[in-house]
Amino acid sequence: MTIEDKQLEFIIYCVESTAERLGRYGSEVYNKLKELGAINGYIRSYYDTLHTQGKSYIVDSLLEYIYYRDPKWLPKEYQPFRLTNEKKGGTAC
């Protein structure tokens, strides 16, 4: 399997995992991530690091990526991890 094949498989995993969390179709999530430049500019660019992380971290990071570029696309109740953590009195890194 080539690195391109591995990255494609990982992109599919990222899209489907994010779609599952949002309760949306994978095609909707893929189109939004592509529109925002996340497929090549984030997932492919940071593949070496991202593919070593857990599902929750990956999905959270993609949701934050979307949030800071098109927050209205996400559910109204969505808050990025950093803001959620700060509201609870935690410290963000």
N, C-alpha and C. Protein backbone atom coordinates (compact mmCIF):
# COMPACT_ATOMS: atom_id res chain seq x y z
N MET A 1 0.86 -1.18 0.00
CA MET A 1 0.00 0.00 0.00
C MET A 1 0.90 1.24 0.00
N THR A 2 0.62 2.16 -0.90
CA THR A 2 1.43 3.39 -1.00
C THR A 2 0.98 4.38 0.07
N ILE A 3 1.79 5.41 0.28
CA ILE A 3 1.44 6.46 1.24
C ILE A 3 0.16 7.17 0.80
N GLU A 4 -0.01 7.33 -0.51
CA GLU A 4 -1.22 7.98 -1.02
C GLU A 4 -2.46 7.14 -0.69
N ASP A 5 -2.33 5.82 -0.81
CA ASP A 5 -3.43 4.92 -0.46
C ASP A 5 -3.75 5.02 1.03
N LYS A 6 -2.71 5.06 1.86
CA LYS A 6 -2.91 5.16 3.30
C LYS A 6 -3.59 6.48 3.67
N GLN A 7 -3.14 7.55 3.01
CA GLN A 7 -3.74 8.86 3.28
C GLN A 7 -5.20 8.89 2.85
N LEU A 8 -5.51 8.31 1.70
CA LEU A 8 -6.89 8.27 1.24
C LEU A 8 -7.77 7.48 2.21
N GLU A 9 -7.27 6.36 2.66
CA GLU A 9 -8.00 5.56 3.64
C GLU A 9 -8.23 6.35 4.93
N PHE A 10 -7.21 7.10 5.34
CA PHE A 10 -7.32 7.90 6.56
C PHE A 10 -8.30 9.06 6.37
N ILE A 11 -8.29 9.68 5.20
CA ILE A 11 -9.24 10.77 4.91
C ILE A 11 -10.67 10.24 5.01
N ILE A 12 -10.91 9.07 4.46
CA ILE A 12 -12.25 8.47 4.53
C ILE A 12 -12.63 8.22 5.99
N TYR A 13 -11.70 7.71 6.75
CA TYR A 13 -11.94 7.47 8.19
C TYR A 13 -12.29 8.78 8.89
N CYS A 14 -11.54 9.84 8.62
CA CYS A 14 -11.79 11.15 9.25
C CYS A 14 -13.17 11.68 8.88
N VAL A 15 -13.50 11.61 7.61
CA VAL A 15 -14.79 12.11 7.13
C VAL A 15 -15.93 11.33 7.76
N GLU A 16 -15.86 10.01 7.71
CA GLU A 16 -16.94 9.19 8.23
C GLU A 16 -17.07 9.31 9.75
N SER A 17 -15.97 9.42 10.45
CA SER A 17 -16.02 9.58 11.90
C SER A 17 -16.64 10.91 12.28
N THR A 18 -16.31 11.96 11.54
CA THR A 18 -16.87 13.28 11.80
C THR A 18 -18.36 13.30 11.46
N ALA A 19 -18.72 12.66 10.35
CA ALA A 19 -20.13 12.57 9.96
C ALA A 19 -20.94 11.83 11.02
N GLU A 20 -20.37 10.77 11.54
CA GLU A 20 -21.04 10.00 12.59
C GLU A 20 -21.30 10.88 13.81
N ARG A 21 -20.31 11.65 14.24
CA ARG A 21 -20.46 12.53 15.40
C ARG A 21 -21.54 13.58 15.17
N LEU A 22 -21.59 14.11 13.95
CA LEU A 22 -22.55 15.17 13.64
C LEU A 22 -23.93 14.66 13.26
N GLY A 23 -24.04 13.38 12.96
CA GLY A 23 -25.31 12.84 12.49
C GLY A 23 -25.63 13.30 11.09
N ARG A 24 -24.59 13.46 10.28
CA ARG A 24 -24.75 13.90 8.89
C ARG A 24 -24.20 12.84 7.95
N TYR A 25 -24.50 13.01 6.68
CA TYR A 25 -23.96 12.10 5.67
C TYR A 25 -22.48 12.41 5.44
N GLY A 26 -21.73 11.36 5.14
CA GLY A 26 -20.31 11.52 4.86
C GLY A 26 -20.06 12.48 3.71
N SER A 27 -20.92 12.44 2.70
CA SER A 27 -20.74 13.32 1.54
C SER A 27 -20.85 14.79 1.93
N GLU A 28 -21.75 15.12 2.86
CA GLU A 28 -21.88 16.50 3.33
C GLU A 28 -20.60 16.95 4.02
N VAL A 29 -20.08 16.10 4.89
CA VAL A 29 -18.87 16.43 5.64
C VAL A 29 -17.69 16.54 4.69
N TYR A 30 -17.58 15.60 3.76
CA TYR A 30 -16.48 15.65 2.78
C TYR A 30 -16.53 16.95 2.00
N ASN A 31 -17.71 17.31 1.51
CA ASN A 31 -17.82 18.54 0.71
C ASN A 31 -17.45 19.77 1.52
N LYS A 32 -17.84 19.82 2.79
CA LYS A 32 -17.50 20.97 3.64
C LYS A 32 -16.00 21.02 3.90
N LEU A 33 -15.41 19.87 4.24
CA LEU A 33 -13.96 19.83 4.49
C LEU A 33 -13.17 20.20 3.24
N LYS A 34 -13.64 19.75 2.10
CA LYS A 34 -12.96 20.09 0.84
C LYS A 34 -13.10 21.59 0.56
N GLU A 35 -14.31 22.11 0.73
CA GLU A 35 -14.56 23.54 0.52
C GLU A 35 -13.66 24.41 1.40
N LEU A 36 -13.45 23.98 2.63
CA LEU A 36 -12.66 24.76 3.59
C LEU A 36 -11.16 24.50 3.47
N GLY A 37 -10.77 23.58 2.61
CA GLY A 37 -9.35 23.30 2.42
C GLY A 37 -8.76 22.32 3.42
N ALA A 38 -9.62 21.64 4.18
CA ALA A 38 -9.14 20.75 5.23
C ALA A 38 -8.58 19.43 4.70
N ILE A 39 -9.07 18.97 3.56
CA ILE A 39 -8.62 17.67 3.05
C ILE A 39 -7.11 17.71 2.79
N ASN A 40 -6.69 18.65 1.97
CA ASN A 40 -5.26 18.74 1.66
C ASN A 40 -4.48 19.61 2.64
N GLY A 41 -5.10 20.69 3.09
CA GLY A 41 -4.40 21.65 3.95
C GLY A 41 -4.29 21.24 5.40
N TYR A 42 -5.08 20.27 5.82
CA TYR A 42 -5.01 19.84 7.22
C TYR A 42 -4.79 18.33 7.32
N ILE A 43 -5.72 17.55 6.81
CA ILE A 43 -5.62 16.09 6.99
C ILE A 43 -4.37 15.54 6.30
N ARG A 44 -4.19 15.86 5.02
CA ARG A 44 -2.99 15.36 4.32
C ARG A 44 -1.70 15.98 4.88
N SER A 45 -1.75 17.28 5.14
CA SER A 45 -0.55 17.97 5.62
C SER A 45 -0.08 17.46 6.97
N TYR A 46 -1.02 17.10 7.84
CA TYR A 46 -0.67 16.65 9.18
C TYR A 46 -0.94 15.16 9.39
N TYR A 47 -0.98 14.43 8.29
CA TYR A 47 -1.24 12.99 8.34
C TYR A 47 -0.30 12.27 9.31
N ASP A 48 0.99 12.57 9.24
CA ASP A 48 1.97 11.88 10.08
C ASP A 48 1.63 11.98 11.57
N THR A 49 1.12 13.12 11.98
CA THR A 49 0.74 13.30 13.38
C THR A 49 -0.68 12.82 13.65
N LEU A 50 -1.62 13.23 12.79
CA LEU A 50 -3.02 12.90 13.03
C LEU A 50 -3.30 11.40 13.08
N HIS A 51 -2.67 10.64 12.22
CA HIS A 51 -3.02 9.21 12.17
C HIS A 51 -2.54 8.45 13.41
N THR A 52 -1.77 9.11 14.26
CA THR A 52 -1.33 8.46 15.51
C THR A 52 -2.27 8.79 16.67
N GLN A 53 -3.25 9.65 16.42
CA GLN A 53 -4.16 10.10 17.48
C GLN A 53 -5.43 9.25 17.51
N GLY A 54 -6.17 9.38 18.58
CA GLY A 54 -7.43 8.66 18.74
C GLY A 54 -8.55 9.33 17.97
N LYS A 55 -9.61 8.58 17.79
CA LYS A 55 -10.77 9.04 17.03
C LYS A 55 -11.34 10.34 17.59
N SER A 56 -11.50 10.44 18.90
CA SER A 56 -12.08 11.65 19.50
C SER A 56 -11.24 12.88 19.21
N TYR A 57 -9.92 12.74 19.35
CA TYR A 57 -9.03 13.87 19.09
C TYR A 57 -9.14 14.31 17.63
N ILE A 58 -9.14 13.35 16.72
CA ILE A 58 -9.21 13.67 15.29
C ILE A 58 -10.51 14.40 14.98
N VAL A 59 -11.62 13.86 15.43
CA VAL A 59 -12.92 14.48 15.15
C VAL A 59 -13.00 15.85 15.81
N ASP A 60 -12.57 15.97 17.06
CA ASP A 60 -12.58 17.27 17.73
C ASP A 60 -11.75 18.30 16.96
N SER A 61 -10.60 17.89 16.47
CA SER A 61 -9.75 18.83 15.74
C SER A 61 -10.39 19.25 14.42
N LEU A 62 -11.08 18.33 13.75
CA LEU A 62 -11.77 18.68 12.51
C LEU A 62 -12.97 19.59 12.78
N LEU A 63 -13.67 19.34 13.86
CA LEU A 63 -14.79 20.21 14.21
C LEU A 63 -14.31 21.62 14.54
N GLU A 64 -13.18 21.71 15.21
CA GLU A 64 -12.61 23.04 15.49
C GLU A 64 -12.17 23.72 14.20
N TYR A 65 -11.59 22.95 13.30
CA TYR A 65 -11.18 23.49 12.00
C TYR A 65 -12.39 24.11 11.31
N ILE A 66 -13.50 23.37 11.29
CA ILE A 66 -14.72 23.88 10.67
C ILE A 66 -15.23 25.09 11.44
N TYR A 67 -15.26 25.00 12.76
CA TYR A 67 -15.80 26.07 13.60
C TYR A 67 -15.14 27.42 13.33
N TYR A 68 -13.84 27.43 13.19
CA TYR A 68 -13.13 28.70 13.01
C TYR A 68 -13.18 29.21 11.58
N ARG A 69 -13.82 28.45 10.68
CA ARG A 69 -13.95 28.88 9.29
C ARG A 69 -15.40 29.06 8.86
N ASP A 70 -16.31 28.28 9.43
CA ASP A 70 -17.73 28.35 9.08
C ASP A 70 -18.57 27.82 10.23
N PRO A 71 -18.63 28.56 11.34
CA PRO A 71 -19.31 28.08 12.55
C PRO A 71 -20.79 27.81 12.35
N LYS A 72 -21.44 28.49 11.43
CA LYS A 72 -22.87 28.30 11.21
C LYS A 72 -23.19 26.94 10.62
N TRP A 73 -22.20 26.26 10.07
CA TRP A 73 -22.43 24.94 9.48
C TRP A 73 -22.60 23.88 10.56
N LEU A 74 -22.06 24.13 11.72
CA LEU A 74 -22.12 23.17 12.83
C LEU A 74 -23.41 23.37 13.64
N PRO A 75 -23.78 22.37 14.43
CA PRO A 75 -24.97 22.54 15.29
C PRO A 75 -24.81 23.75 16.21
N LYS A 76 -25.91 24.41 16.52
CA LYS A 76 -25.88 25.63 17.35
C LYS A 76 -25.21 25.40 18.70
N GLU A 77 -25.40 24.22 19.26
CA GLU A 77 -24.86 23.95 20.59
C GLU A 77 -23.37 23.60 20.59
N TYR A 78 -22.77 23.47 19.41
CA TYR A 78 -21.35 23.09 19.37
C TYR A 78 -20.47 24.22 19.88
N GLN A 79 -19.55 23.87 20.75
CA GLN A 79 -18.52 24.79 21.24
C GLN A 79 -17.19 24.08 21.10
N PRO A 80 -16.17 24.76 20.60
CA PRO A 80 -14.86 24.13 20.50
C PRO A 80 -14.37 23.67 21.87
N PHE A 81 -13.53 22.67 21.89
CA PHE A 81 -13.02 22.11 23.13
C PHE A 81 -12.39 23.19 24.00
N ARG A 82 -11.59 24.05 23.39
CA ARG A 82 -10.89 25.08 24.16
C ARG A 82 -11.87 25.99 24.89
N LEU A 83 -12.92 26.44 24.19
CA LEU A 83 -13.89 27.32 24.83
C LEU A 83 -14.69 26.58 25.88
N THR A 84 -15.05 25.33 25.60
CA THR A 84 -15.79 24.52 26.56
C THR A 84 -14.97 24.32 27.82
N ASN A 85 -13.69 24.01 27.67
CA ASN A 85 -12.80 23.78 28.79
C ASN A 85 -12.61 25.04 29.61
N GLU A 86 -12.48 26.20 28.95
CA GLU A 86 -12.30 27.45 29.67
C GLU A 86 -13.55 27.82 30.48
N LYS A 87 -14.74 27.52 29.93
CA LYS A 87 -15.97 27.81 30.65
C LYS A 87 -16.10 26.97 31.91
N LYS A 88 -15.51 25.76 31.90
CA LYS A 88 -15.57 24.88 33.05
C LYS A 88 -14.50 25.24 34.09
N GLY A 89 -13.67 26.21 33.76
CA GLY A 89 -12.64 26.62 34.71
C GLY A 89 -11.31 25.94 34.50
N GLY A 90 -11.20 25.16 33.42
CA GLY A 90 -9.94 24.50 33.11
C GLY A 90 -8.99 25.45 32.41
N THR A 91 -7.80 25.01 32.24
CA THR A 91 -6.83 25.82 31.53
C THR A 91 -6.54 25.17 30.20
N ALA A 92 -6.49 25.99 29.18
CA ALA A 92 -6.16 25.49 27.84
C ALA A 92 -4.67 25.61 27.61
N CYS A 93 -4.16 24.69 26.89
CA CYS A 93 -2.71 24.70 26.60
C CYS A 93 -2.39 25.65 25.49
